[in-house]
């Protein structure tokens, strides 16, 4: 009779199979978990780098804000000091007037003493007028047609030649004039017009025009024209206006204050317009931030290479009127390193000046 074999489901083979299965599950879990941790570490590293960059930018802006606040406090202190000196001088004038009246009534003062007091009184009055003018922001005497004071009352030796009989000011009004970096210029170009007008780089360009107009000769005429892909004459009435005509100059600057930077940069139409002016300009100021991105006709290309920009610049330069000095004031834009040497050569070749000012000029 055959022996009956007992069946054991927990045999060694079964346990081997179960162990292999559990091992495979654990191995898959370890691999998935390791990949997740590595991905998380990479994301965290990128976020930390971005946070550190933003923190550095915030620190830089806070330092600039502190410097501006210090400058404002110094100006306020100087104004208060001037007002105090003015009050003291006014009190001295009143005392001298009272003394003169008493001496005139009593007859005790000699004629020479009276004349001496009058001379002192005249000197004090002149000094008071000077101090009062500084407090109220009155226009100063000199060669400047209008008063212009930079941040912290700073004065600069620029080397710019503001002479001439017909002086043309060309200002770049493209979207790149909103900021020195491309990313922020694009960001600001999507904001409302009022925010664009308040952009710090654009305000520097506007103050530069204001500074130039304040230092023009009294017997000259000037014209202000803005350009992006087109040219816009901001001069009151168009053409030339006398620098001595305050109403025309103020209205011209007001037209600039209301302008909104937008679009690309094309030097070609600006230089063509300059060459067609009658009478022609004998001095040109060019306020710009880089080489052109557009030519005589608008282009729809998404990207303009450095070589393309140099060709556009050379084509535009050929349209400049001959024998006219070009004074270049450059606010450099990132990613355009060739602009500085090319504009410097332009200024040298035409007998003009080249200036790349600090961020707080003028």
Protein backbone atom coordinates (compact mmCIF):
# COMPACT_ATOMS: atom_id res chain seq x y z
CA UNK A 1 0.00 0.00 0.00
CA UNK A 2 1.47 3.33 -1.04
CA UNK A 3 2.37 5.83 1.70
CA UNK A 4 0.41 9.11 1.67
CA UNK A 5 2.70 12.21 1.35
CA UNK A 6 1.95 15.17 3.56
CA UNK A 7 1.85 18.53 1.75
CA UNK A 8 3.49 21.56 3.51
CA UNK A 9 2.59 24.92 1.94
CA UNK A 10 5.36 26.65 3.90
CA UNK A 11 8.11 24.70 2.25
CA UNK A 12 11.55 26.17 1.55
CA UNK A 13 10.67 26.91 -2.09
CA UNK A 14 7.58 28.89 -1.11
CA UNK A 15 9.53 30.92 1.42
CA UNK A 16 12.19 31.68 -1.22
CA UNK A 17 9.57 32.98 -3.61
CA UNK A 18 7.96 35.17 -0.96
CA UNK A 19 11.33 36.55 0.12
CA UNK A 20 12.25 37.45 -3.44
CA UNK A 21 8.93 39.22 -3.90
CA UNK A 22 9.32 41.25 -0.73
CA UNK A 23 12.90 42.08 -1.69
CA UNK A 24 11.81 43.32 -5.10
CA UNK A 25 9.12 45.55 -3.55
CA UNK A 26 11.61 47.02 -1.08
CA UNK A 27 14.17 47.63 -3.87
CA UNK A 28 11.57 49.45 -6.01
CA UNK A 29 10.54 51.57 -3.02
CA UNK A 30 14.19 52.52 -2.28
CA UNK A 31 14.82 53.52 -5.94
CA UNK A 32 11.66 55.67 -6.13
CA UNK A 33 12.35 57.34 -2.79
CA UNK A 34 15.98 58.12 -3.75
CA UNK A 35 14.88 59.74 -7.03
CA UNK A 36 12.34 61.87 -5.18
CA UNK A 37 14.94 63.04 -2.66
CA UNK A 38 17.45 63.92 -5.42
CA UNK A 39 14.82 65.91 -7.32
CA UNK A 40 13.79 67.74 -4.14
CA UNK A 41 17.40 68.61 -3.37
CA UNK A 42 17.89 70.08 -6.89
CA UNK A 43 14.71 72.18 -6.58
CA UNK A 44 15.72 73.37 -3.12
CA UNK A 45 19.19 74.37 -4.40
CA UNK A 46 17.67 76.43 -7.23
CA UNK A 47 15.23 78.12 -4.83
CA UNK A 48 18.04 78.94 -2.41
CA UNK A 49 20.13 80.49 -5.21
CA UNK A 50 17.19 82.61 -6.35
CA UNK A 51 16.47 83.67 -2.77
CA UNK A 52 20.10 84.69 -2.27
CA UNK A 53 20.05 86.71 -5.50
CA UNK A 54 16.86 88.52 -4.47
CA UNK A 55 18.30 89.16 -1.01
CA UNK A 56 21.42 90.72 -2.55
CA UNK A 57 19.26 92.93 -4.78
CA UNK A 58 17.15 94.02 -1.79
CA UNK A 59 20.33 94.84 0.17
CA UNK A 60 21.65 96.95 -2.73
CA UNK A 61 18.38 98.87 -3.09
CA UNK A 62 18.23 99.45 0.68
CA UNK A 63 21.76 100.91 0.57
CA UNK A 64 20.77 103.27 -2.25
CA UNK A 65 17.63 104.29 -0.34
CA UNK A 66 19.70 105.03 2.76
CA UNK A 67 22.07 107.17 0.69
CA UNK A 68 19.15 109.11 -0.79
CA UNK A 69 17.63 109.65 2.65
CA UNK A 70 20.98 110.98 3.91
CA UNK A 71 21.16 113.39 0.96
CA UNK A 72 17.60 114.62 1.62
CA UNK A 73 18.40 115.19 5.28
CA UNK A 74 21.50 117.20 4.35
CA UNK A 75 19.51 119.37 1.95
CA UNK A 76 16.85 119.96 4.62
CA UNK A 77 19.53 120.92 7.16
CA UNK A 78 21.14 123.35 4.71
CA UNK A 79 17.74 124.92 3.94
CA UNK A 80 16.97 125.35 7.64
CA UNK A 81 20.41 126.89 8.22
CA UNK A 82 19.88 129.35 5.36
CA UNK A 83 16.49 130.33 6.74
CA UNK A 84 17.98 130.91 10.19
CA UNK A 85 20.76 133.10 8.76
CA UNK A 86 18.17 135.03 6.77
CA UNK A 87 16.11 135.63 9.91
CA UNK A 88 19.21 136.86 11.78
CA UNK A 89 20.11 139.24 8.96
CA UNK A 90 16.55 140.57 8.81
CA UNK A 91 16.73 141.24 12.54
CA UNK A 92 20.04 143.09 12.03
CA UNK A 93 18.45 145.19 9.28
CA UNK A 94 15.59 146.16 11.56
CA UNK A 95 18.06 147.12 14.29
CA UNK A 96 20.08 149.28 11.88
CA UNK A 97 16.92 150.96 10.59
CA UNK A 98 15.85 151.76 14.14
CA UNK A 99 19.33 153.15 14.92
CA UNK A 100 19.28 155.34 11.82
CA UNK A 101 15.85 156.69 12.71
CA UNK A 102 16.91 157.53 16.26
CA UNK A 103 20.08 159.25 15.07
CA UNK A 104 18.21 161.19 12.40
CA UNK A 105 15.64 162.39 14.94
CA UNK A 106 18.14 163.38 17.61
CA UNK A 107 20.61 164.97 15.18
CA UNK A 108 23.46 163.39 17.12
CA UNK A 109 24.72 161.21 14.27
CA UNK A 110 27.28 162.63 11.93
CA UNK A 111 26.86 162.46 8.18
CA UNK A 112 29.71 159.96 7.84
CA UNK A 113 28.15 157.60 10.34
CA UNK A 114 24.87 157.65 8.45
CA UNK A 115 26.60 156.83 5.19
CA UNK A 116 28.46 154.00 6.87
CA UNK A 117 25.22 152.57 8.22
CA UNK A 118 23.63 152.83 4.81
CA UNK A 119 26.54 150.92 3.28
CA UNK A 120 26.24 148.19 5.90
CA UNK A 121 22.51 148.08 5.32
CA UNK A 122 23.00 147.67 1.57
CA UNK A 123 25.48 144.80 2.10
CA UNK A 124 23.08 143.04 4.45
CA UNK A 125 20.19 143.44 2.03
CA UNK A 126 22.27 141.96 -0.82
CA UNK A 127 23.29 139.02 1.34
CA UNK A 128 19.67 138.47 2.37
CA UNK A 129 18.53 138.44 -1.24
CA UNK A 130 21.18 135.85 -2.09
CA UNK A 131 20.24 133.58 0.79
CA UNK A 132 16.53 133.99 0.15
CA UNK A 133 17.08 133.01 -3.45
CA UNK A 134 18.81 129.81 -2.39
CA UNK A 135 15.96 128.92 -0.04
CA UNK A 136 13.18 129.61 -2.54
CA UNK A 137 15.03 128.00 -5.49
CA UNK A 138 15.22 131.24 -7.43
CA UNK A 139 17.21 131.35 -10.63
CA UNK A 140 20.90 132.11 -10.23
CA UNK A 141 22.76 134.75 -12.21
CA UNK A 142 25.33 133.57 -14.76
CA UNK A 143 25.45 132.00 -18.17
CA UNK A 144 22.65 129.50 -17.46
CA UNK A 145 19.24 130.44 -18.81
CA UNK A 146 17.45 128.41 -16.16
CA UNK A 147 18.31 127.05 -12.73
CA UNK A 148 19.15 123.34 -12.49
CA UNK A 149 20.49 121.77 -9.31
CA UNK A 150 21.47 118.09 -9.17
CA UNK A 151 20.97 115.70 -6.26
CA UNK A 152 22.69 117.09 -3.18
CA UNK A 153 23.54 120.32 -5.05
CA UNK A 154 26.28 118.43 -6.90
CA UNK A 155 28.04 120.22 -9.75
CA UNK A 156 29.81 118.35 -12.53
CA UNK A 157 32.59 119.11 -14.97
CA UNK A 158 31.27 117.26 -18.02
CA UNK A 159 33.43 118.56 -20.87
CA UNK A 160 30.29 118.86 -23.01
CA UNK A 161 30.27 121.72 -25.49
CA UNK A 162 26.89 123.45 -25.20
CA UNK A 163 27.77 126.19 -27.69
CA UNK A 164 26.34 126.82 -31.13
CA UNK A 165 23.61 128.83 -32.83
CA UNK A 166 21.27 125.95 -33.69
CA UNK A 167 21.50 123.12 -31.15
CA UNK A 168 19.61 119.86 -31.71
CA UNK A 169 18.81 117.48 -28.83
CA UNK A 170 17.94 113.89 -29.83
CA UNK A 171 16.63 111.64 -27.05
CA UNK A 172 16.03 107.90 -27.30
CA UNK A 173 12.40 107.23 -26.28
CA UNK A 174 12.35 103.46 -26.88
CA UNK A 175 11.22 100.89 -24.32
CA UNK A 176 14.82 100.06 -23.42
CA UNK A 177 15.07 103.50 -21.76
CA UNK A 178 12.88 102.17 -18.93
CA UNK A 179 15.66 100.14 -17.27
CA UNK A 180 19.32 99.18 -17.67
CA UNK A 181 18.49 95.44 -17.78
CA UNK A 182 16.49 93.78 -20.55
CA UNK A 183 14.26 91.75 -18.22
CA UNK A 184 13.20 94.74 -16.14
CA UNK A 185 12.73 96.91 -19.24
CA UNK A 186 10.27 94.32 -20.59
CA UNK A 187 8.53 94.14 -17.21
CA UNK A 188 8.15 97.91 -16.97
CA UNK A 189 6.88 98.15 -20.54
CA UNK A 190 3.76 96.26 -19.44
CA UNK A 191 2.92 98.74 -16.66
CA UNK A 192 0.59 101.78 -16.98
CA UNK A 193 1.95 104.90 -18.71
CA UNK A 194 2.34 106.82 -15.45
CA UNK A 195 4.60 104.07 -14.07
CA UNK A 196 6.68 104.14 -17.25
CA UNK A 197 7.19 107.91 -16.95
CA UNK A 198 8.46 107.43 -13.38
CA UNK A 199 11.05 104.78 -14.34
CA UNK A 200 14.41 105.84 -12.88
CA UNK A 201 16.41 105.46 -16.11
CA UNK A 202 13.88 107.49 -18.11
CA UNK A 203 13.84 110.18 -15.44
CA UNK A 204 17.66 110.44 -15.71
CA UNK A 205 17.32 111.01 -19.46
CA UNK A 206 14.63 113.66 -18.92
CA UNK A 207 16.78 115.45 -16.31
CA UNK A 208 19.70 115.35 -18.76
CA UNK A 209 17.63 117.26 -21.33
CA UNK A 210 16.61 119.68 -18.59
CA UNK A 211 20.27 120.21 -17.67
CA UNK A 212 21.31 120.82 -21.28
CA UNK A 213 18.49 123.31 -21.88
CA UNK A 214 19.48 125.19 -18.70
CA UNK A 215 23.04 125.63 -19.97
CA UNK A 216 22.41 126.67 -23.59
CA UNK A 217 23.67 130.07 -24.81
CA UNK A 218 21.18 132.90 -24.45
CA UNK A 219 21.50 133.91 -28.12
CA UNK A 220 20.98 130.41 -29.58
CA UNK A 221 18.05 128.38 -30.87
CA UNK A 222 17.38 124.74 -30.10
CA UNK A 223 15.12 121.85 -31.08
CA UNK A 224 14.13 118.76 -29.07
CA UNK A 225 13.24 115.55 -30.92
CA UNK A 226 12.47 112.09 -29.49
CA UNK A 227 12.93 108.89 -31.47
CA UNK A 228 12.15 105.19 -31.24
CA UNK A 229 11.14 103.63 -34.56
CA UNK A 230 9.84 107.07 -35.56
CA UNK A 231 10.83 110.67 -34.86
CA UNK A 232 8.63 112.98 -32.82
CA UNK A 233 9.35 116.74 -32.72
CA UNK A 234 8.67 117.90 -29.14
CA UNK A 235 9.63 121.52 -29.84
CA UNK A 236 6.79 123.95 -29.35
CA UNK A 237 5.52 124.77 -32.84
CA UNK A 238 8.17 122.50 -34.42
CA UNK A 239 11.54 123.45 -35.86
CA UNK A 240 13.73 125.89 -33.90
CA UNK A 241 12.85 128.02 -30.86
CA UNK A 242 14.90 130.70 -29.13
CA UNK A 243 16.51 129.57 -25.87
CA UNK A 244 15.64 132.98 -24.41
CA UNK A 245 11.90 132.39 -24.92
CA UNK A 246 11.00 130.90 -21.53
CA UNK A 247 7.40 130.07 -22.48
CA UNK A 248 8.46 128.07 -25.55
CA UNK A 249 11.22 126.27 -23.64
CA UNK A 250 8.89 125.37 -20.75
CA UNK A 251 6.22 124.03 -23.12
CA UNK A 252 8.83 121.98 -25.00
CA UNK A 253 10.03 120.40 -21.76
CA UNK A 254 6.44 119.78 -20.69
CA UNK A 255 5.93 117.82 -23.94
CA UNK A 256 8.93 115.70 -22.92
CA UNK A 257 7.56 115.15 -19.40
CA UNK A 258 4.35 113.72 -20.91
CA UNK A 259 6.16 111.37 -23.31
CA UNK A 260 5.97 107.59 -22.66
CA UNK A 261 8.96 105.43 -23.75
CA UNK A 262 7.90 102.58 -26.05
CA UNK A 263 8.93 100.55 -29.09
CA UNK A 264 12.30 99.71 -30.62
CA UNK A 265 15.33 101.89 -31.35
CA UNK A 266 16.02 103.30 -34.82
CA UNK A 267 18.76 105.89 -35.32
CA UNK A 268 18.30 106.08 -39.10
CA UNK A 269 15.13 108.24 -39.20
CA UNK A 270 16.48 110.48 -36.40
CA UNK A 271 19.71 111.24 -38.29
CA UNK A 272 17.80 111.74 -41.55
CA UNK A 273 15.53 114.27 -39.82
CA UNK A 274 18.61 116.07 -38.43
CA UNK A 275 20.16 116.33 -41.90
CA UNK A 276 16.95 117.84 -43.34
CA UNK A 277 16.54 120.63 -40.79
CA UNK A 278 16.70 124.21 -42.07
CA UNK A 279 18.82 125.91 -41.05
CA UNK A 280 20.96 122.83 -40.29
CA UNK A 281 22.13 122.19 -36.70
CA UNK A 282 25.68 123.15 -35.76
CA UNK A 283 25.72 121.09 -32.54
CA UNK A 284 23.94 117.82 -31.72
CA UNK A 285 23.32 116.14 -28.37
CA UNK A 286 22.47 112.43 -28.64
CA UNK A 287 21.00 110.82 -25.51
CA UNK A 288 20.88 107.06 -26.07
CA UNK A 289 21.41 103.71 -24.32
CA UNK A 290 22.73 101.42 -27.06
CA UNK A 291 22.98 100.52 -30.71
CA UNK A 292 19.79 100.51 -32.83
CA UNK A 293 17.60 97.44 -33.24
CA UNK A 294 15.66 98.80 -36.22
CA UNK A 295 16.65 100.30 -39.57
CA UNK A 296 14.92 102.58 -42.09
CA UNK A 297 11.97 100.17 -42.12
CA UNK A 298 10.45 98.39 -39.13
CA UNK A 299 11.54 94.77 -38.79
CA UNK A 300 9.57 91.87 -37.32
CA UNK A 301 12.62 89.77 -36.44
CA UNK A 302 12.42 88.25 -32.96
CA UNK A 303 16.17 88.52 -32.40
CA UNK A 304 18.77 91.05 -33.56
CA UNK A 305 22.40 89.98 -33.30
CA UNK A 306 25.29 92.23 -32.33
CA UNK A 307 26.50 92.21 -35.94
CA UNK A 308 23.04 93.28 -37.13
CA UNK A 309 23.02 96.19 -34.67
CA UNK A 310 26.44 97.35 -35.82
CA UNK A 311 25.29 97.32 -39.46
CA UNK A 312 22.19 99.32 -38.55
CA UNK A 313 24.34 101.83 -36.66
CA UNK A 314 26.75 102.31 -39.57
CA UNK A 315 23.84 102.81 -41.97
CA UNK A 316 22.35 105.43 -39.67
CA UNK A 317 25.65 107.23 -39.15
CA UNK A 318 26.03 107.74 -42.89
CA UNK A 319 22.91 109.96 -42.75
CA UNK A 320 24.34 112.45 -40.25
CA UNK A 321 24.91 116.01 -41.52
CA UNK A 322 28.59 116.56 -42.31
CA UNK A 323 30.83 118.69 -40.10
CA UNK A 324 28.46 118.80 -37.11
CA UNK A 325 29.81 117.84 -33.64
CA UNK A 326 27.86 115.02 -32.00
CA UNK A 327 27.95 114.97 -28.19
CA UNK A 328 26.93 111.48 -27.01
CA UNK A 329 25.47 110.90 -23.54
CA UNK A 330 25.24 107.12 -23.13
CA UNK A 331 23.24 105.27 -20.46
CA UNK A 332 24.64 101.76 -21.13
CA UNK A 333 22.26 98.82 -21.60
CA UNK A 334 23.26 95.30 -20.62
CA UNK A 335 24.16 92.96 -23.45
CA UNK A 336 25.44 95.73 -25.76
CA UNK A 337 29.18 96.07 -25.05
CA UNK A 338 30.04 97.36 -28.54
CA UNK A 339 27.91 100.50 -28.12
CA UNK A 340 30.42 102.32 -25.91
CA UNK A 341 33.44 102.18 -28.28
CA UNK A 342 31.33 102.95 -31.37
CA UNK A 343 29.70 106.02 -29.83
CA UNK A 344 33.06 107.18 -28.46
CA UNK A 345 34.52 106.99 -31.98
CA UNK A 346 31.51 108.93 -33.31
CA UNK A 347 32.13 111.74 -30.81
CA UNK A 348 35.84 111.83 -31.57
CA UNK A 349 35.40 111.78 -35.36
CA UNK A 350 32.87 114.63 -35.33
CA UNK A 351 34.68 116.80 -32.77
CA UNK A 352 32.07 116.25 -30.08
CA UNK A 353 32.23 114.79 -26.57
CA UNK A 354 31.37 111.41 -25.07
CA UNK A 355 29.87 111.03 -21.59
CA UNK A 356 28.67 107.90 -19.78
CA UNK A 357 27.52 109.45 -16.49
CA UNK A 358 27.03 108.00 -13.02
CA UNK A 359 23.54 106.94 -11.95
CA UNK A 360 22.92 110.13 -9.94
CA UNK A 361 23.79 112.52 -12.80
CA UNK A 362 22.63 115.14 -13.43
